[in-house]
Each structure stands twice: as C-alpha cells, then as structure tokens.
Amino acid sequence: MFSNEQLQDLIEGKIVGNKFPYDTNNEQEIEAHIRRLLYRINRIPNLVCEAEWKHFGSGYASFVEFFCYQKENVLVVEEKNGRRELKTEGIIIDICRLASVAIIGEDTRYKKILIETNEKVGGAYSSILSGPNRLYLSGRFQTIAEKLKQALKEFDYDLLDAENIIQPLPFQTKISTIYRRPKEYLVMDAIFYWED
C-alpha cells in the first residue's frame, strides 16, 4: 500500500503516487479529475451523488467526500410545522486529494427542509472515518457498490481494504485530525484526515 515514508508525506500534505493526475503534483488537475469522476458516477441511472468540496466548511480535508444514494432510499420521516425531515441511506466514498486511493462505506443521513421553499435548515450525518465499522457495506448496497467500484477503477483509483487501513499507525507522529488522538492513530488517519 504505502511505505512509512509515503504515509509521513501524506500527513504533511504532500501528493504521492505515480498515477495520473497525482504524478503531475498539480492540485487543480487532481480536483478536475475528481470532478470528472463525480460526473461519471452521476450518470449511473437512478443514482444521486453529492460531493463535499469545501473541506466541511473549515480547515483542510485530505479527501473529497461523496455521498451516493438511490432515489428510493430517501424516506420522509416526519412533516410538521412547515418542515419535512428526510432520512437517506447511502454509500460514502472518500477520494483522497493526495494519492489515487479511496475508501467506501455506508451512512444514514438526516436532513430537515422547509416544505414551501425546499431550503435545508438542519441535518445530521457522520463520517466513515469516525469508526472503522463504517468501512463495510451491507448486502443491500452490493449492486450499486459494484457500479461505484467500476467507476473508481475507470478513473484509476485503488479502493483500500478496510483490514489494512484500520491497523495501528506503525510510527509516532502528529496528525492534525479531529477523528482520533495520537496514541490511537490508524493507518487510515495518515491518508484521510480533516483538520478543523
């Protein structure tokens, strides 16, 4: 996967890898590549894929997070006081900005909108980085997961195996991440981190 030296480079925000566009060391080219991947995924019939480009509103995220779901997996939980609460079950894909790798898992997200204007006024979701148990997909997502994996393969992204990246980080370091404390770092924290 990655050597300890490469993991340290990733922690320092350095781009690693010899696959295009990562071999160009050009952040704009890498982001354009990820945008093309998003466009490709959104062409999958009956699938919606939303991306978080702006580092969750603050700080720096070493990844772009996609949340992909089928339209029939959006359920109305409640309608009250002019608001509608929606529950969406789907797949998260985290695409690394620093290396041509990704991870995949599932999530259930909640969103509150104003019925009259469709304006979002609240919500709740989690990250697959917050717990290694989120790096697995249940059987009900297998069909769509195969289509997503095919798109990742077409764009030359390696899907990292959960068993390897949930191992303890083999060296001492400091990672600017909100997900774990220094003595709890996992290999995945060196690749996918968000500093707020």
C-alpha atoms as a PDB file:
ATOM      1  CA  MET A   1       0.000   0.000   0.000  1.00  0.00           C
ATOM      2  CA  PHE A   2       2.163   2.892   1.285  1.00  0.00           C
ATOM      3  CA  SER A   3       5.614   2.922   2.870  1.00  0.00           C
ATOM      4  CA  ASN A   4       6.077   4.670   6.220  1.00  0.00           C
ATOM      5  CA  GLU A   5       7.845   7.486   4.345  1.00  0.00           C
ATOM      6  CA  GLN A   6       4.882   7.899   1.986  1.00  0.00           C
ATOM      7  CA  LEU A   7       2.456   7.884   4.917  1.00  0.00           C
ATOM      8  CA  GLN A   8       4.500  10.647   6.581  1.00  0.00           C
ATOM      9  CA  ASP A   9       4.457  12.624   3.313  1.00  0.00           C
ATOM     10  CA  LEU A  10       0.648  12.290   3.174  1.00  0.00           C
ATOM     11  CA  ILE A  11       0.390  13.506   6.776  1.00  0.00           C
ATOM     12  CA  GLU A  12       2.435  16.559   5.738  1.00  0.00           C
ATOM     13  CA  GLY A  13       0.014  17.226   2.876  1.00  0.00           C
ATOM     14  CA  LYS A  14       2.355  16.107   0.102  1.00  0.00           C
ATOM     15  CA  ILE A  15       0.983  14.447  -3.026  1.00  0.00           C
ATOM     16  CA  VAL A  16       2.329  10.925  -3.592  1.00  0.00           C
ATOM     17  CA  GLY A  17       1.943   8.457  -6.413  1.00  0.00           C
ATOM     18  CA  ASN A  18       2.859   7.789  -9.991  1.00  0.00           C
ATOM     19  CA  LYS A  19      -0.643   7.629 -11.495  1.00  0.00           C
ATOM     20  CA  PHE A  20      -2.216  10.493 -13.415  1.00  0.00           C
ATOM     21  CA  PRO A  21      -3.070  13.120 -12.278  1.00  0.00           C
ATOM     22  CA  TYR A  22      -1.224  12.619  -8.992  1.00  0.00           C
ATOM     23  CA  ASP A  23       2.068  12.296 -10.854  1.00  0.00           C
ATOM     24  CA  THR A  24       1.651  15.919 -12.024  1.00  0.00           C
ATOM     25  CA  ASN A  25       1.717  17.198  -8.409  1.00  0.00           C
ATOM     26  CA  ASN A  26      -0.936  19.713  -9.551  1.00  0.00           C
ATOM     27  CA  GLU A  27      -3.825  20.205  -7.102  1.00  0.00           C
ATOM     28  CA  GLN A  28      -6.089  21.786  -9.746  1.00  0.00           C
ATOM     29  CA  GLU A  29      -5.581  18.853 -12.102  1.00  0.00           C
ATOM     30  CA  ILE A  30      -6.348  16.397  -9.292  1.00  0.00           C
ATOM     31  CA  GLU A  31      -9.540  18.253  -8.347  1.00  0.00           C
ATOM     32  CA  ALA A  32     -10.611  18.325 -12.008  1.00  0.00           C
ATOM     33  CA  HIS A  33     -10.049  14.554 -12.157  1.00  0.00           C
ATOM     34  CA  ILE A  34     -12.203  14.035  -9.051  1.00  0.00           C
ATOM     35  CA  ARG A  35     -14.909  16.264 -10.599  1.00  0.00           C
ATOM     36  CA  ARG A  36     -14.874  14.110 -13.738  1.00  0.00           C
ATOM     37  CA  LEU A  37     -15.285  11.038 -11.531  1.00  0.00           C
ATOM     38  CA  LEU A  38     -18.293  12.649  -9.837  1.00  0.00           C
ATOM     39  CA  TYR A  39     -19.796  13.422 -13.247  1.00  0.00           C
ATOM     40  CA  ARG A  40     -19.259   9.780 -14.289  1.00  0.00           C
ATOM     41  CA  ILE A  41     -20.922   8.472 -11.111  1.00  0.00           C
ATOM     42  CA  ASN A  42     -23.901  10.793 -11.544  1.00  0.00           C
ATOM     43  CA  ARG A  43     -24.504   9.200 -14.959  1.00  0.00           C
ATOM     44  CA  ILE A  44     -25.351   5.887 -13.250  1.00  0.00           C
ATOM     45  CA  PRO A  45     -29.141   5.512 -13.635  1.00  0.00           C
ATOM     46  CA  ASN A  46     -31.285   6.269 -10.568  1.00  0.00           C
ATOM     47  CA  LEU A  47     -28.278   7.369  -8.523  1.00  0.00           C
ATOM     48  CA  VAL A  48     -27.605  10.736  -6.919  1.00  0.00           C
ATOM     49  CA  CYS A  49     -24.091  11.553  -5.771  1.00  0.00           C
ATOM     50  CA  GLU A  50     -23.295  14.710  -3.818  1.00  0.00           C
ATOM     51  CA  ALA A  51     -19.754  15.911  -3.095  1.00  0.00           C
ATOM     52  CA  GLU A  52     -18.267  17.925  -0.240  1.00  0.00           C
ATOM     53  CA  TRP A  53     -15.584  20.071  -1.915  1.00  0.00           C
ATOM     54  CA  LYS A  54     -15.133  22.816   0.684  1.00  0.00           C
ATOM     55  CA  HIS A  55     -13.379  20.931   3.480  1.00  0.00           C
ATOM     56  CA  PHE A  56     -16.607  20.676   5.512  1.00  0.00           C
ATOM     57  CA  GLY A  57     -16.746  24.452   5.778  1.00  0.00           C
ATOM     58  CA  SER A  58     -13.409  24.992   7.533  1.00  0.00           C
ATOM     59  CA  GLY A  59      -9.863  23.747   7.892  1.00  0.00           C
ATOM     60  CA  TYR A  60      -8.428  21.224   5.449  1.00  0.00           C
ATOM     61  CA  ALA A  61      -9.639  17.767   4.451  1.00  0.00           C
ATOM     62  CA  SER A  62      -7.214  15.473   2.639  1.00  0.00           C
ATOM     63  CA  PHE A  63     -10.186  13.973   0.813  1.00  0.00           C
ATOM     64  CA  VAL A  64     -13.365  14.811  -1.066  1.00  0.00           C
ATOM     65  CA  GLU A  65     -16.388  13.019   0.333  1.00  0.00           C
ATOM     66  CA  PHE A  66     -19.081  11.672  -1.993  1.00  0.00           C
ATOM     67  CA  PHE A  67     -22.460  10.584  -0.654  1.00  0.00           C
ATOM     68  CA  CYS A  68     -24.273   8.416  -3.188  1.00  0.00           C
ATOM     69  CA  TYR A  69     -27.799   7.105  -2.870  1.00  0.00           C
ATOM     70  CA  GLN A  70     -30.652   5.757  -4.902  1.00  0.00           C
ATOM     71  CA  LYS A  71     -33.751   7.935  -5.062  1.00  0.00           C
ATOM     72  CA  GLU A  72     -35.906   5.235  -3.467  1.00  0.00           C
ATOM     73  CA  ASN A  73     -33.661   5.307  -0.380  1.00  0.00           C
ATOM     74  CA  VAL A  74     -34.888   8.796   0.573  1.00  0.00           C
ATOM     75  CA  LEU A  75     -37.732   8.473   3.063  1.00  0.00           C
ATOM     76  CA  VAL A  76     -39.914  11.128   4.675  1.00  0.00           C
ATOM     77  CA  VAL A  77     -39.602  10.643   8.430  1.00  0.00           C
ATOM     78  CA  GLU A  78     -41.854  13.487   9.563  1.00  0.00           C
ATOM     79  CA  GLU A  79     -43.715  16.552   8.353  1.00  0.00           C
ATOM     80  CA  LYS A  80     -44.522  19.118  10.999  1.00  0.00           C
ATOM     81  CA  ASN A  81     -44.638  22.915  11.381  1.00  0.00           C
ATOM     82  CA  GLY A  82     -43.849  23.503   7.716  1.00  0.00           C
ATOM     83  CA  ARG A  83     -40.753  21.297   7.866  1.00  0.00           C
ATOM     84  CA  ARG A  84     -40.013  17.918   6.385  1.00  0.00           C
ATOM     85  CA  GLU A  85     -37.415  15.554   7.801  1.00  0.00           C
ATOM     86  CA  LEU A  86     -35.811  13.194   5.298  1.00  0.00           C
ATOM     87  CA  LYS A  87     -33.807  10.044   6.006  1.00  0.00           C
ATOM     88  CA  THR A  88     -31.374   8.927   3.296  1.00  0.00           C
ATOM     89  CA  GLU A  89     -29.441   5.680   3.341  1.00  0.00           C
ATOM     90  CA  GLY A  90     -26.474   5.512   1.025  1.00  0.00           C
ATOM     91  CA  ILE A  91     -22.807   4.967   0.359  1.00  0.00           C
ATOM     92  CA  ILE A  92     -19.935   7.257   1.271  1.00  0.00           C
ATOM     93  CA  ILE A  93     -16.818   7.303  -0.883  1.00  0.00           C
ATOM     94  CA  ASP A  94     -13.847   9.275   0.360  1.00  0.00           C
ATOM     95  CA  ILE A  95     -11.495  10.184  -2.505  1.00  0.00           C
ATOM     96  CA  CYS A  96      -8.006  11.175  -1.362  1.00  0.00           C
ATOM     97  CA  ARG A  97      -6.703  14.502  -2.673  1.00  0.00           C
ATOM     98  CA  LEU A  98      -3.089  13.385  -2.117  1.00  0.00           C
ATOM     99  CA  ALA A  99      -2.957   9.850  -3.586  1.00  0.00           C
ATOM    100  CA  SER A 100      -5.036   7.840  -6.064  1.00  0.00           C
ATOM    101  CA  VAL A 101      -6.882   5.880  -3.376  1.00  0.00           C
ATOM    102  CA  ALA A 102     -10.397   5.775  -1.961  1.00  0.00           C
ATOM    103  CA  ILE A 103     -12.398   4.127   0.811  1.00  0.00           C
ATOM    104  CA  ILE A 104     -16.049   3.180   0.821  1.00  0.00           C
ATOM    105  CA  GLY A 105     -18.687   2.607   3.487  1.00  0.00           C
ATOM    106  CA  GLU A 106     -22.303   3.367   4.284  1.00  0.00           C
ATOM    107  CA  ASP A 107     -24.184   6.051   6.173  1.00  0.00           C
ATOM    108  CA  THR A 108     -27.679   7.152   7.088  1.00  0.00           C
ATOM    109  CA  ARG A 109     -28.198  10.890   6.806  1.00  0.00           C
ATOM    110  CA  TYR A 110     -30.994  13.120   8.033  1.00  0.00           C
ATOM    111  CA  LYS A 111     -31.984  16.435   6.555  1.00  0.00           C
ATOM    112  CA  LYS A 112     -34.657  18.962   7.557  1.00  0.00           C
ATOM    113  CA  ILE A 113     -36.066  21.213   4.867  1.00  0.00           C
ATOM    114  CA  LEU A 114     -38.719  23.899   4.690  1.00  0.00           C
ATOM    115  CA  ILE A 115     -41.597  22.396   2.733  1.00  0.00           C
ATOM    116  CA  GLU A 116     -42.519  25.643   0.984  1.00  0.00           C
ATOM    117  CA  THR A 117     -39.037  26.561  -0.290  1.00  0.00           C
ATOM    118  CA  ASN A 118     -37.137  23.247  -0.119  1.00  0.00           C
ATOM    119  CA  GLU A 119     -34.419  25.138   1.817  1.00  0.00           C
ATOM    120  CA  LYS A 120     -32.241  22.983   4.051  1.00  0.00           C
ATOM    121  CA  VAL A 121     -32.490  24.090   7.690  1.00  0.00           C
ATOM    122  CA  GLY A 122     -30.796  21.246   9.542  1.00  0.00           C
ATOM    123  CA  GLY A 123     -29.377  17.786   9.333  1.00  0.00           C
ATOM    124  CA  ALA A 124     -27.184  15.090  10.752  1.00  0.00           C
ATOM    125  CA  TYR A 125     -24.637  12.714   9.284  1.00  0.00           C
ATOM    126  CA  SER A 126     -21.435  11.005  10.212  1.00  0.00           C
ATOM    127  CA  SER A 127     -18.159  10.121   8.569  1.00  0.00           C
ATOM    128  CA  ILE A 128     -16.790   6.705   7.709  1.00  0.00           C
ATOM    129  CA  LEU A 129     -13.573   7.922   9.305  1.00  0.00           C
ATOM    130  CA  SER A 130     -15.147   8.178  12.746  1.00  0.00           C
ATOM    131  CA  GLY A 131     -15.345   4.408  13.169  1.00  0.00           C
ATOM    132  CA  PRO A 132     -13.695   1.502  11.357  1.00  0.00           C
ATOM    133  CA  ASN A 133     -17.011  -0.380  11.497  1.00  0.00           C
ATOM    134  CA  ARG A 134     -18.342   2.068   8.873  1.00  0.00           C
ATOM    135  CA  LEU A 135     -15.925   0.765   6.227  1.00  0.00           C
ATOM    136  CA  TYR A 136     -18.157  -2.162   5.342  1.00  0.00           C
ATOM    137  CA  LEU A 137     -21.184  -2.411   3.075  1.00  0.00           C
ATOM    138  CA  SER A 138     -24.254  -4.482   3.830  1.00  0.00           C
ATOM    139  CA  GLY A 139     -25.639  -6.811   1.193  1.00  0.00           C
ATOM    140  CA  ARG A 140     -28.423  -4.441   0.220  1.00  0.00           C
ATOM    141  CA  PHE A 141     -25.870  -1.991  -1.223  1.00  0.00           C
ATOM    142  CA  GLN A 142     -23.868  -4.557  -3.214  1.00  0.00           C
ATOM    143  CA  THR A 143     -25.393  -3.888  -6.646  1.00  0.00           C
ATOM    144  CA  ILE A 144     -24.831  -0.141  -6.544  1.00  0.00           C
ATOM    145  CA  ALA A 145     -21.453  -0.624  -4.832  1.00  0.00           C
ATOM    146  CA  GLU A 146     -20.256  -2.694  -7.788  1.00  0.00           C
ATOM    147  CA  LYS A 147     -21.173   0.142 -10.170  1.00  0.00           C
ATOM    148  CA  LEU A 148     -19.340   2.653  -7.957  1.00  0.00           C
ATOM    149  CA  LYS A 149     -16.274   0.417  -7.747  1.00  0.00           C
ATOM    150  CA  GLN A 150     -16.260   0.140 -11.545  1.00  0.00           C
ATOM    151  CA  ALA A 151     -16.270   3.959 -11.841  1.00  0.00           C
ATOM    152  CA  LEU A 152     -13.372   4.192  -9.368  1.00  0.00           C
ATOM    153  CA  LYS A 153     -11.444   1.611 -11.391  1.00  0.00           C
ATOM    154  CA  GLU A 154     -12.078   3.524 -14.641  1.00  0.00           C
ATOM    155  CA  PHE A 155     -10.536   6.612 -13.031  1.00  0.00           C
ATOM    156  CA  ASP A 156      -7.569   4.604 -11.712  1.00  0.00           C
ATOM    157  CA  TYR A 157      -8.416   4.804  -8.001  1.00  0.00           C
ATOM    158  CA  ASP A 158      -7.417   1.916  -5.780  1.00  0.00           C
ATOM    159  CA  LEU A 159     -10.075   1.010  -3.238  1.00  0.00           C
ATOM    160  CA  LEU A 160      -8.231   0.429   0.024  1.00  0.00           C
ATOM    161  CA  ASP A 161      -9.011  -2.695   2.008  1.00  0.00           C
ATOM    162  CA  ALA A 162     -10.514  -1.984   5.424  1.00  0.00           C
ATOM    163  CA  GLU A 163      -8.436  -4.698   7.094  1.00  0.00           C
ATOM    164  CA  ASN A 164      -5.195  -2.948   6.122  1.00  0.00           C
ATOM    165  CA  ILE A 165      -6.094   0.645   6.905  1.00  0.00           C
ATOM    166  CA  ILE A 166      -7.645   0.049  10.331  1.00  0.00           C
ATOM    167  CA  GLN A 167      -4.287  -1.226  11.601  1.00  0.00           C
ATOM    168  CA  PRO A 168      -2.459   0.978  14.120  1.00  0.00           C
ATOM    169  CA  LEU A 169      -0.124   3.500  12.511  1.00  0.00           C
ATOM    170  CA  PRO A 170       3.347   1.869  12.800  1.00  0.00           C
ATOM    171  CA  PHE A 171       5.196   5.026  13.864  1.00  0.00           C
ATOM    172  CA  GLN A 172       4.776   8.011  16.171  1.00  0.00           C
ATOM    173  CA  THR A 173       3.718  11.279  14.593  1.00  0.00           C
ATOM    174  CA  LYS A 174       1.279  14.161  14.896  1.00  0.00           C
ATOM    175  CA  ILE A 175      -1.732  14.245  12.574  1.00  0.00           C
ATOM    176  CA  SER A 176      -3.985  17.280  12.509  1.00  0.00           C
ATOM    177  CA  THR A 177      -7.231  15.347  12.623  1.00  0.00           C
ATOM    178  CA  ILE A 178     -10.410  15.541  14.629  1.00  0.00           C
ATOM    179  CA  TYR A 179     -11.063  11.795  14.440  1.00  0.00           C
ATOM    180  CA  ARG A 180      -8.512  10.238  16.786  1.00  0.00           C
ATOM    181  CA  ARG A 181      -5.919  11.038  19.430  1.00  0.00           C
ATOM    182  CA  PRO A 182      -2.181  10.482  18.819  1.00  0.00           C
ATOM    183  CA  LYS A 183      -1.899   7.126  20.604  1.00  0.00           C
ATOM    184  CA  GLU A 184      -4.976   5.848  18.712  1.00  0.00           C
ATOM    185  CA  TYR A 185      -3.914   6.701  15.130  1.00  0.00           C
ATOM    186  CA  LEU A 186      -4.733   4.186  12.435  1.00  0.00           C
ATOM    187  CA  VAL A 187      -3.097   3.900   9.014  1.00  0.00           C
ATOM    188  CA  MET A 188      -6.241   5.461   7.517  1.00  0.00           C
ATOM    189  CA  ASP A 189      -5.662   8.624   9.610  1.00  0.00           C
ATOM    190  CA  ALA A 190      -2.440   9.279   7.694  1.00  0.00           C
ATOM    191  CA  ILE A 191      -4.329   9.208   4.368  1.00  0.00           C
ATOM    192  CA  PHE A 192      -7.783  10.578   5.215  1.00  0.00           C
ATOM    193  CA  TYR A 193      -7.812  13.374   7.759  1.00  0.00           C
ATOM    194  CA  TRP A 194      -9.681  16.578   8.457  1.00  0.00           C
ATOM    195  CA  GLU A 195      -8.075  19.344  10.457  1.00  0.00           C
ATOM    196  CA  ASP A 196     -10.620  21.875  11.621  1.00  0.00           C
END
